[in-house]
């Protein structure tokens, strides 16, 4: 299975105005992953964690879509593998 097929980029929306454009400000400190995101439209400032929390429903929906896609692809791959393995057998048929 190819990993590239299941990678997605999710646009995080501002909880106030719904805009997806942000200006990022990195705080200097021990943990450089802490950043402030300022909405380009309304100017609301959120930390990265707050932004992810506000968009958790959208993120969960994408995760479940990818999960369904992975399950379907695994089932197809398993079925093809079993058909190939038992191709010469007269007693075993896979539908």
PDB file of N, CA and C in Angstrom:
ATOM      1  N   UNK A   1       0.837  -1.185   0.000  1.00  0.00           N
ATOM      2  CA  UNK A   1       0.000   0.000   0.000  1.00  0.00           C
ATOM      3  C   UNK A   1       0.878   1.243   0.000  1.00  0.00           C
ATOM      4  N   UNK A   2       0.434   2.262  -0.682  1.00  0.00           N
ATOM      5  CA  UNK A   2       1.214   3.487  -0.776  1.00  0.00           C
ATOM      6  C   UNK A   2       0.728   4.512   0.244  1.00  0.00           C
ATOM      7  N   UNK A   3       1.661   5.053   1.021  1.00  0.00           N
ATOM      8  CA  UNK A   3       1.316   6.026   2.058  1.00  0.00           C
ATOM      9  C   UNK A   3       0.861   7.360   1.493  1.00  0.00           C
ATOM     10  N   UNK A   4       1.385   7.743   0.340  1.00  0.00           N
ATOM     11  CA  UNK A   4       1.071   9.058  -0.227  1.00  0.00           C
ATOM     12  C   UNK A   4      -0.422   9.219  -0.498  1.00  0.00           C
ATOM     13  N   UNK A   5      -1.089   8.127  -0.758  1.00  0.00           N
ATOM     14  CA  UNK A   5      -2.519   8.156  -1.068  1.00  0.00           C
ATOM     15  C   UNK A   5      -3.349   8.616   0.127  1.00  0.00           C
ATOM     16  N   UNK A   6      -2.844   8.405   1.330  1.00  0.00           N
ATOM     17  CA  UNK A   6      -3.611   8.686   2.534  1.00  0.00           C
ATOM     18  C   UNK A   6      -3.180   9.965   3.249  1.00  0.00           C
ATOM     19  N   UNK A   7      -2.278  10.711   2.671  1.00  0.00           N
ATOM     20  CA  UNK A   7      -1.843  11.961   3.279  1.00  0.00           C
ATOM     21  C   UNK A   7      -2.742  13.097   2.813  1.00  0.00           C
ATOM     22  N   UNK A   8      -3.155  13.926   3.755  1.00  0.00           N
ATOM     23  CA  UNK A   8      -4.022  15.057   3.419  1.00  0.00           C
ATOM     24  C   UNK A   8      -3.556  16.299   4.141  1.00  0.00           C
ATOM     25  N   UNK A   9      -3.900  17.410   3.568  1.00  0.00           N
ATOM     26  CA  UNK A   9      -3.645  18.695   4.190  1.00  0.00           C
ATOM     27  C   UNK A   9      -5.008  19.295   4.548  1.00  0.00           C
ATOM     28  N   UNK A  10      -5.198  19.611   5.809  1.00  0.00           N
ATOM     29  CA  UNK A  10      -6.483  20.123   6.285  1.00  0.00           C
ATOM     30  C   UNK A  10      -6.326  21.597   6.610  1.00  0.00           C
ATOM     31  N   UNK A  11      -7.138  22.422   6.000  1.00  0.00           N
ATOM     32  CA  UNK A  11      -7.124  23.854   6.288  1.00  0.00           C
ATOM     33  C   UNK A  11      -7.858  24.143   7.587  1.00  0.00           C
ATOM     34  N   UNK A  12      -7.159  24.719   8.546  1.00  0.00           N
ATOM     35  CA  UNK A  12      -7.775  25.041   9.836  1.00  0.00           C
ATOM     36  C   UNK A  12      -8.481  26.390   9.735  1.00  0.00           C
ATOM     37  N   UNK A  13      -9.731  26.414  10.152  1.00  0.00           N
ATOM     38  CA  UNK A  13     -10.543  27.622  10.039  1.00  0.00           C
ATOM     39  C   UNK A  13     -10.568  28.388  11.348  1.00  0.00           C
ATOM     40  N   UNK A  14     -10.621  29.711  11.221  1.00  0.00           N
ATOM     41  CA  UNK A  14     -10.766  30.575  12.380  1.00  0.00           C
ATOM     42  C   UNK A  14     -12.160  30.345  12.966  1.00  0.00           C
ATOM     43  N   UNK A  15     -12.273  30.105  14.275  1.00  0.00           N
ATOM     44  CA  UNK A  15     -13.589  29.876  14.874  1.00  0.00           C
ATOM     45  C   UNK A  15     -14.488  31.114  14.856  1.00  0.00           C
ATOM     46  N   UNK A  16     -13.921  32.296  14.675  1.00  0.00           N
ATOM     47  CA  UNK A  16     -14.709  33.522  14.665  1.00  0.00           C
ATOM     48  C   UNK A  16     -15.275  33.822  13.284  1.00  0.00           C
ATOM     49  N   UNK A  17     -14.407  33.820  12.259  1.00  0.00           N
ATOM     50  CA  UNK A  17     -14.850  34.259  10.930  1.00  0.00           C
ATOM     51  C   UNK A  17     -14.780  33.169   9.853  1.00  0.00           C
ATOM     52  N   UNK A  18     -14.116  32.057  10.122  1.00  0.00           N
ATOM     53  CA  UNK A  18     -14.032  30.971   9.150  1.00  0.00           C
ATOM     54  C   UNK A  18     -12.907  31.104   8.147  1.00  0.00           C
ATOM     55  N   UNK A  19     -12.074  32.109   8.296  1.00  0.00           N
ATOM     56  CA  UNK A  19     -10.946  32.322   7.382  1.00  0.00           C
ATOM     57  C   UNK A  19      -9.889  31.231   7.605  1.00  0.00           C
ATOM     58  N   UNK A  20      -9.155  30.887   6.557  1.00  0.00           N
ATOM     59  CA  UNK A  20      -8.108  29.866   6.686  1.00  0.00           C
ATOM     60  C   UNK A  20      -6.705  30.446   6.520  1.00  0.00           C
ATOM     61  N   UNK A  21      -6.586  31.766   6.457  1.00  0.00           N
ATOM     62  CA  UNK A  21      -5.274  32.414   6.325  1.00  0.00           C
ATOM     63  C   UNK A  21      -4.833  32.952   7.681  1.00  0.00           C
ATOM     64  N   UNK A  22      -3.585  32.649   8.055  1.00  0.00           N
ATOM     65  CA  UNK A  22      -3.045  33.059   9.355  1.00  0.00           C
ATOM     66  C   UNK A  22      -1.656  33.644   9.205  1.00  0.00           C
ATOM     67  N   UNK A  23      -1.322  34.491  10.136  1.00  0.00           N
ATOM     68  CA  UNK A  23       0.046  34.971  10.293  1.00  0.00           C
ATOM     69  C   UNK A  23       0.572  34.283  11.552  1.00  0.00           C
ATOM     70  N   UNK A  24       1.733  33.661  11.446  1.00  0.00           N
ATOM     71  CA  UNK A  24       2.270  32.895  12.564  1.00  0.00           C
ATOM     72  C   UNK A  24       3.375  33.656  13.263  1.00  0.00           C
ATOM     73  N   UNK A  25       3.319  33.635  14.574  1.00  0.00           N
ATOM     74  CA  UNK A  25       4.350  34.240  15.415  1.00  0.00           C
ATOM     75  C   UNK A  25       4.914  33.142  16.307  1.00  0.00           C
ATOM     76  N   UNK A  26       6.199  32.913  16.201  1.00  0.00           N
ATOM     77  CA  UNK A  26       6.850  31.891  17.008  1.00  0.00           C
ATOM     78  C   UNK A  26       7.367  32.527  18.284  1.00  0.00           C
ATOM     79  N   UNK A  27       7.027  31.916  19.405  1.00  0.00           N
ATOM     80  CA  UNK A  27       7.517  32.400  20.698  1.00  0.00           C
ATOM     81  C   UNK A  27       8.878  31.779  20.964  1.00  0.00           C
ATOM     82  N   UNK A  28       9.802  32.571  21.370  1.00  0.00           N
ATOM     83  CA  UNK A  28      11.130  32.069  21.710  1.00  0.00           C
ATOM     84  C   UNK A  28      11.084  31.520  23.129  1.00  0.00           C
ATOM     85  N   UNK A  29      11.551  30.318  23.285  1.00  0.00           N
ATOM     86  CA  UNK A  29      11.528  29.702  24.600  1.00  0.00           C
ATOM     87  C   UNK A  29      12.057  28.289  24.515  1.00  0.00           C
ATOM     88  N   UNK A  30      11.714  27.516  25.518  1.00  0.00           N
ATOM     89  CA  UNK A  30      12.194  26.148  25.587  1.00  0.00           C
ATOM     90  C   UNK A  30      11.585  25.315  24.466  1.00  0.00           C
ATOM     91  N   UNK A  31      10.292  25.462  24.245  1.00  0.00           N
ATOM     92  CA  UNK A  31       9.592  24.678  23.235  1.00  0.00           C
ATOM     93  C   UNK A  31       9.257  25.571  22.049  1.00  0.00           C
ATOM     94  N   UNK A  32       9.958  25.386  20.937  1.00  0.00           N
ATOM     95  CA  UNK A  32       9.753  26.249  19.773  1.00  0.00           C
ATOM     96  C   UNK A  32       8.493  25.892  18.985  1.00  0.00           C
ATOM     97  N   UNK A  33       7.821  24.807  19.358  1.00  0.00           N
ATOM     98  CA  UNK A  33       6.601  24.451  18.644  1.00  0.00           C
ATOM     99  C   UNK A  33       5.413  25.292  19.109  1.00  0.00           C
ATOM    100  N   UNK A  34       5.552  26.010  20.213  1.00  0.00           N
ATOM    101  CA  UNK A  34       4.485  26.891  20.680  1.00  0.00           C
ATOM    102  C   UNK A  34       4.477  28.119  19.782  1.00  0.00           C
ATOM    103  N   UNK A  35       3.354  28.356  19.148  1.00  0.00           N
ATOM    104  CA  UNK A  35       3.266  29.489  18.251  1.00  0.00           C
ATOM    105  C   UNK A  35       1.880  30.115  18.365  1.00  0.00           C
ATOM    106  N   UNK A  36       1.818  31.362  18.026  1.00  0.00           N
ATOM    107  CA  UNK A  36       0.549  32.068  17.969  1.00  0.00           C
ATOM    108  C   UNK A  36       0.145  32.210  16.513  1.00  0.00           C
ATOM    109  N   UNK A  37      -1.114  31.952  16.253  1.00  0.00           N
ATOM    110  CA  UNK A  37      -1.655  32.128  14.918  1.00  0.00           C
ATOM    111  C   UNK A  37      -2.629  33.296  14.982  1.00  0.00           C
ATOM    112  N   UNK A  38      -2.386  34.298  14.152  1.00  0.00           N
ATOM    113  CA  UNK A  38      -3.250  35.470  14.106  1.00  0.00           C
ATOM    114  C   UNK A  38      -4.034  35.417  12.797  1.00  0.00           C
ATOM    115  N   UNK A  39      -5.359  35.438  12.910  1.00  0.00           N
ATOM    116  CA  UNK A  39      -6.218  35.369  11.733  1.00  0.00           C
ATOM    117  C   UNK A  39      -5.985  36.600  10.864  1.00  0.00           C
ATOM    118  N   UNK A  40      -5.811  36.376   9.575  1.00  0.00           N
ATOM    119  CA  UNK A  40      -5.555  37.475   8.653  1.00  0.00           C
ATOM    120  C   UNK A  40      -6.805  38.327   8.423  1.00  0.00           C
ATOM    121  N   UNK A  41      -7.971  37.768   8.695  1.00  0.00           N
ATOM    122  CA  UNK A  41      -9.213  38.483   8.444  1.00  0.00           C
ATOM    123  C   UNK A  41      -9.695  39.282   9.666  1.00  0.00           C
ATOM    124  N   UNK A  42      -9.869  38.588  10.804  1.00  0.00           N
ATOM    125  CA  UNK A  42     -10.447  39.256  11.971  1.00  0.00           C
ATOM    126  C   UNK A  42      -9.414  39.639  13.035  1.00  0.00           C
ATOM    127  N   UNK A  43      -8.201  39.103  12.943  1.00  0.00           N
ATOM    128  CA  UNK A  43      -7.145  39.463  13.877  1.00  0.00           C
ATOM    129  C   UNK A  43      -7.154  38.675  15.180  1.00  0.00           C
ATOM    130  N   UNK A  44      -8.000  37.660  15.298  1.00  0.00           N
ATOM    131  CA  UNK A  44      -8.037  36.858  16.522  1.00  0.00           C
ATOM    132  C   UNK A  44      -6.749  36.050  16.646  1.00  0.00           C
ATOM    133  N   UNK A  45      -6.193  36.031  17.857  1.00  0.00           N
ATOM    134  CA  UNK A  45      -4.964  35.286  18.104  1.00  0.00           C
ATOM    135  C   UNK A  45      -5.284  34.008  18.870  1.00  0.00           C
ATOM    136  N   UNK A  46      -4.734  32.908  18.386  1.00  0.00           N
ATOM    137  CA  UNK A  46      -4.926  31.597  18.996  1.00  0.00           C
ATOM    138  C   UNK A  46      -3.581  30.890  19.053  1.00  0.00           C
ATOM    139  N   UNK A  47      -3.404  30.053  20.058  1.00  0.00           N
ATOM    140  CA  UNK A  47      -2.216  29.202  20.063  1.00  0.00           C
ATOM    141  C   UNK A  47      -2.479  28.042  19.116  1.00  0.00           C
ATOM    142  N   UNK A  48      -1.441  27.334  18.778  1.00  0.00           N
ATOM    143  CA  UNK A  48      -1.571  26.207  17.865  1.00  0.00           C
ATOM    144  C   UNK A  48      -2.514  25.156  18.454  1.00  0.00           C
ATOM    145  N   UNK A  49      -2.396  24.885  19.749  1.00  0.00           N
ATOM    146  CA  UNK A  49      -3.257  23.901  20.400  1.00  0.00           C
ATOM    147  C   UNK A  49      -4.719  24.329  20.396  1.00  0.00           C
ATOM    148  N   UNK A  50      -4.988  25.611  20.636  1.00  0.00           N
ATOM    149  CA  UNK A  50      -6.364  26.111  20.609  1.00  0.00           C
ATOM    150  C   UNK A  50      -6.956  25.986  19.206  1.00  0.00           C
ATOM    151  N   UNK A  51      -6.158  26.284  18.210  1.00  0.00           N
ATOM    152  CA  UNK A  51      -6.613  26.208  16.829  1.00  0.00           C
ATOM    153  C   UNK A  51      -6.952  24.767  16.448  1.00  0.00           C
ATOM    154  N   UNK A  52      -6.111  23.840  16.860  1.00  0.00           N
ATOM    155  CA  UNK A  52      -6.377  22.422  16.591  1.00  0.00           C
ATOM    156  C   UNK A  52      -7.622  21.964  17.343  1.00  0.00           C
ATOM    157  N   UNK A  53      -7.782  22.396  18.601  1.00  0.00           N
ATOM    158  CA  UNK A  53      -8.959  22.027  19.386  1.00  0.00           C
ATOM    159  C   UNK A  53     -10.247  22.565  18.754  1.00  0.00           C
ATOM    160  N   UNK A  54     -10.216  23.787  18.268  1.00  0.00           N
ATOM    161  CA  UNK A  54     -11.395  24.397  17.647  1.00  0.00           C
ATOM    162  C   UNK A  54     -11.779  23.705  16.339  1.00  0.00           C
ATOM    163  N   UNK A  55     -10.807  23.091  15.679  1.00  0.00           N
ATOM    164  CA  UNK A  55     -11.058  22.415  14.410  1.00  0.00           C
ATOM    165  C   UNK A  55     -11.085  20.891  14.558  1.00  0.00           C
ATOM    166  N   UNK A  56     -11.221  20.398  15.778  1.00  0.00           N
ATOM    167  CA  UNK A  56     -11.142  18.957  16.032  1.00  0.00           C
ATOM    168  C   UNK A  56     -12.237  18.167  15.306  1.00  0.00           C
ATOM    169  N   UNK A  57     -13.419  18.737  15.149  1.00  0.00           N
ATOM    170  CA  UNK A  57     -14.503  18.038  14.457  1.00  0.00           C
ATOM    171  C   UNK A  57     -14.144  17.820  12.980  1.00  0.00           C
ATOM    172  N   UNK A  58     -13.595  18.848  12.352  1.00  0.00           N
ATOM    173  CA  UNK A  58     -13.169  18.751  10.949  1.00  0.00           C
ATOM    174  C   UNK A  58     -12.027  17.739  10.812  1.00  0.00           C
ATOM    175  N   UNK A  59     -11.092  17.769  11.731  1.00  0.00           N
ATOM    176  CA  UNK A  59      -9.956  16.845  11.700  1.00  0.00           C
ATOM    177  C   UNK A  59     -10.442  15.410  11.869  1.00  0.00           C
ATOM    178  N   UNK A  60     -11.370  15.176  12.815  1.00  0.00           N
ATOM    179  CA  UNK A  60     -11.912  13.840  13.058  1.00  0.00           C
ATOM    180  C   UNK A  60     -12.617  13.303  11.820  1.00  0.00           C
ATOM    181  N   UNK A  61     -13.342  14.158  11.109  1.00  0.00           N
ATOM    182  CA  UNK A  61     -14.041  13.735   9.895  1.00  0.00           C
ATOM    183  C   UNK A  61     -13.054  13.256   8.839  1.00  0.00           C
ATOM    184  N   UNK A  62     -11.952  13.983   8.672  1.00  0.00           N
ATOM    185  CA  UNK A  62     -10.923  13.574   7.715  1.00  0.00           C
ATOM    186  C   UNK A  62     -10.268  12.263   8.141  1.00  0.00           C
ATOM    187  N   UNK A  63     -10.029  12.093   9.425  1.00  0.00           N
ATOM    188  CA  UNK A  63      -9.421  10.858   9.927  1.00  0.00           C
ATOM    189  C   UNK A  63     -10.343   9.671   9.668  1.00  0.00           C
ATOM    190  N   UNK A  64     -11.640   9.841   9.883  1.00  0.00           N
ATOM    191  CA  UNK A  64     -12.562   8.726   9.654  1.00  0.00           C
ATOM    192  C   UNK A  64     -12.671   8.399   8.162  1.00  0.00           C
ATOM    193  N   UNK A  65     -12.628   9.411   7.294  1.00  0.00           N
ATOM    194  CA  UNK A  65     -12.635   9.163   5.848  1.00  0.00           C
ATOM    195  C   UNK A  65     -11.412   8.359   5.426  1.00  0.00           C
ATOM    196  N   UNK A  66     -10.256   8.740   5.931  1.00  0.00           N
ATOM    197  CA  UNK A  66      -9.021   8.030   5.604  1.00  0.00           C
ATOM    198  C   UNK A  66      -9.083   6.603   6.146  1.00  0.00           C
ATOM    199  N   UNK A  67      -9.636   6.432   7.352  1.00  0.00           N
ATOM    200  CA  UNK A  67      -9.781   5.100   7.936  1.00  0.00           C
ATOM    201  C   UNK A  67     -10.649   4.192   7.079  1.00  0.00           C
ATOM    202  N   UNK A  68     -11.755   4.715   6.574  1.00  0.00           N
ATOM    203  CA  UNK A  68     -12.629   3.934   5.701  1.00  0.00           C
ATOM    204  C   UNK A  68     -11.904   3.562   4.413  1.00  0.00           C
ATOM    205  N   UNK A  69     -11.168   4.512   3.873  1.00  0.00           N
ATOM    206  CA  UNK A  69     -10.432   4.272   2.635  1.00  0.00           C
ATOM    207  C   UNK A  69      -9.356   3.200   2.836  1.00  0.00           C
ATOM    208  N   UNK A  70      -8.651   3.256   3.953  1.00  0.00           N
ATOM    209  CA  UNK A  70      -7.613   2.263   4.255  1.00  0.00           C
ATOM    210  C   UNK A  70      -8.251   0.882   4.402  1.00  0.00           C
ATOM    211  N   UNK A  71      -9.389   0.802   5.101  1.00  0.00           N
ATOM    212  CA  UNK A  71     -10.068  -0.470   5.301  1.00  0.00           C
ATOM    213  C   UNK A  71     -10.506  -1.078   3.975  1.00  0.00           C
ATOM    214  N   UNK A  72     -11.090  -0.266   3.101  1.00  0.00           N
ATOM    215  CA  UNK A  72     -11.519  -0.749   1.788  1.00  0.00           C
ATOM    216  C   UNK A  72     -10.332  -1.234   0.959  1.00  0.00           C
ATOM    217  N   UNK A  73      -9.250  -0.479   0.968  1.00  0.00           N
ATOM    218  CA  UNK A  73      -8.074  -0.850   0.188  1.00  0.00           C
ATOM    219  C   UNK A  73      -7.421  -2.124   0.720  1.00  0.00           C
ATOM    220  N   UNK A  74      -7.393  -2.288   2.045  1.00  0.00           N
ATOM    221  CA  UNK A  74      -6.838  -3.515   2.633  1.00  0.00           C
ATOM    222  C   UNK A  74      -7.688  -4.726   2.267  1.00  0.00           C
ATOM    223  N   UNK A  75      -9.017  -4.555   2.285  1.00  0.00           N
ATOM    224  CA  UNK A  75      -9.901  -5.659   1.922  1.00  0.00           C
ATOM    225  C   UNK A  75      -9.677  -6.067   0.470  1.00  0.00           C
ATOM    226  N   UNK A  76      -9.554  -5.094  -0.432  1.00  0.00           N
ATOM    227  CA  UNK A  76      -9.305  -5.393  -1.840  1.00  0.00           C
ATOM    228  C   UNK A  76      -7.965  -6.098  -2.020  1.00  0.00           C
ATOM    229  N   UNK A  77      -6.956  -5.617  -1.309  1.00  0.00           N
ATOM    230  CA  UNK A  77      -5.616  -6.194  -1.422  1.00  0.00           C
ATOM    231  C   UNK A  77      -5.590  -7.625  -0.879  1.00  0.00           C
ATOM    232  N   UNK A  78      -6.287  -7.858   0.235  1.00  0.00           N
ATOM    233  CA  UNK A  78      -6.343  -9.206   0.812  1.00  0.00           C
ATOM    234  C   UNK A  78      -7.074 -10.157  -0.114  1.00  0.00           C
ATOM    235  N   UNK A  79      -8.185  -9.712  -0.677  1.00  0.00           N
ATOM    236  CA  UNK A  79      -8.959 -10.548  -1.592  1.00  0.00           C
ATOM    237  C   UNK A  79      -8.130 -10.917  -2.822  1.00  0.00           C
ATOM    238  N   UNK A  80      -7.428  -9.949  -3.380  1.00  0.00           N
ATOM    239  CA  UNK A  80      -6.579 -10.207  -4.539  1.00  0.00           C
ATOM    240  C   UNK A  80      -5.458 -11.180  -4.192  1.00  0.00           C
ATOM    241  N   UNK A  81      -4.902 -11.030  -3.006  1.00  0.00           N
ATOM    242  CA  UNK A  81      -3.824 -11.913  -2.568  1.00  0.00           C
ATOM    243  C   UNK A  81      -4.323 -13.351  -2.395  1.00  0.00           C
ATOM    244  N   UNK A  82      -5.520 -13.501  -1.797  1.00  0.00           N
ATOM    245  CA  UNK A  82      -6.085 -14.841  -1.617  1.00  0.00           C
ATOM    246  C   UNK A  82      -6.436 -15.474  -2.959  1.00  0.00           C
ATOM    247  N   UNK A  83      -6.992 -14.691  -3.882  1.00  0.00           N
ATOM    248  CA  UNK A  83      -7.301 -15.222  -5.209  1.00  0.00           C
ATOM    249  C   UNK A  83      -6.041 -15.712  -5.899  1.00  0.00           C
ATOM    250  N   UNK A  84      -4.988 -14.950  -5.764  1.00  0.00           N
ATOM    251  CA  UNK A  84      -3.720 -15.324  -6.389  1.00  0.00           C
ATOM    252  C   UNK A  84      -3.149 -16.588  -5.745  1.00  0.00           C
ATOM    253  N   UNK A  85      -3.263 -16.694  -4.414  1.00  0.00           N
ATOM    254  CA  UNK A  85      -2.706 -17.838  -3.698  1.00  0.00           C
ATOM    255  C   UNK A  85      -3.449 -19.137  -4.032  1.00  0.00           C
ATOM    256  N   UNK A  86      -4.772 -19.058  -4.195  1.00  0.00           N
ATOM    257  CA  UNK A  86      -5.575 -20.262  -4.437  1.00  0.00           C
ATOM    258  C   UNK A  86      -6.028 -20.366  -5.899  1.00  0.00           C
ATOM    259  N   UNK A  87      -5.321 -19.743  -6.794  1.00  0.00           N
ATOM    260  CA  UNK A  87      -5.699 -19.700  -8.202  1.00  0.00           C
ATOM    261  C   UNK A  87      -5.782 -21.098  -8.817  1.00  0.00           C
ATOM    262  N   UNK A  88      -4.890 -21.979  -8.504  1.00  0.00           N
ATOM    263  CA  UNK A  88      -4.852 -23.306  -9.120  1.00  0.00           C
ATOM    264  C   UNK A  88      -5.729 -24.337  -8.426  1.00  0.00           C
ATOM    265  N   UNK A  89      -6.334 -23.990  -7.312  1.00  0.00           N
ATOM    266  CA  UNK A  89      -7.125 -24.951  -6.558  1.00  0.00           C
ATOM    267  C   UNK A  89      -8.524 -25.093  -7.152  1.00  0.00           C
ATOM    268  N   UNK A  90      -8.958 -26.347  -7.305  1.00  0.00           N
ATOM    269  CA  UNK A  90     -10.303 -26.607  -7.834  1.00  0.00           C
ATOM    270  C   UNK A  90     -11.345 -26.622  -6.711  1.00  0.00           C
ATOM    271  N   UNK A  91     -10.925 -26.811  -5.479  1.00  0.00           N
ATOM    272  CA  UNK A  91     -11.854 -26.944  -4.358  1.00  0.00           C
ATOM    273  C   UNK A  91     -12.132 -25.651  -3.625  1.00  0.00           C
ATOM    274  N   UNK A  92     -11.274 -24.665  -3.774  1.00  0.00           N
ATOM    275  CA  UNK A  92     -11.450 -23.391  -3.048  1.00  0.00           C
ATOM    276  C   UNK A  92     -11.728 -22.288  -4.060  1.00  0.00           C
ATOM    277  N   UNK A  93     -12.847 -21.601  -3.840  1.00  0.00           N
ATOM    278  CA  UNK A  93     -13.221 -20.467  -4.688  1.00  0.00           C
ATOM    279  C   UNK A  93     -13.425 -19.243  -3.811  1.00  0.00           C
ATOM    280  N   UNK A  94     -12.905 -18.127  -4.237  1.00  0.00           N
ATOM    281  CA  UNK A  94     -13.053 -16.866  -3.496  1.00  0.00           C
ATOM    282  C   UNK A  94     -13.862 -15.913  -4.354  1.00  0.00           C
ATOM    283  N   UNK A  95     -14.954 -15.431  -3.770  1.00  0.00           N
ATOM    284  CA  UNK A  95     -15.832 -14.512  -4.507  1.00  0.00           C
ATOM    285  C   UNK A  95     -15.598 -13.098  -4.074  1.00  0.00           C
TER     286      UNK A  95
END
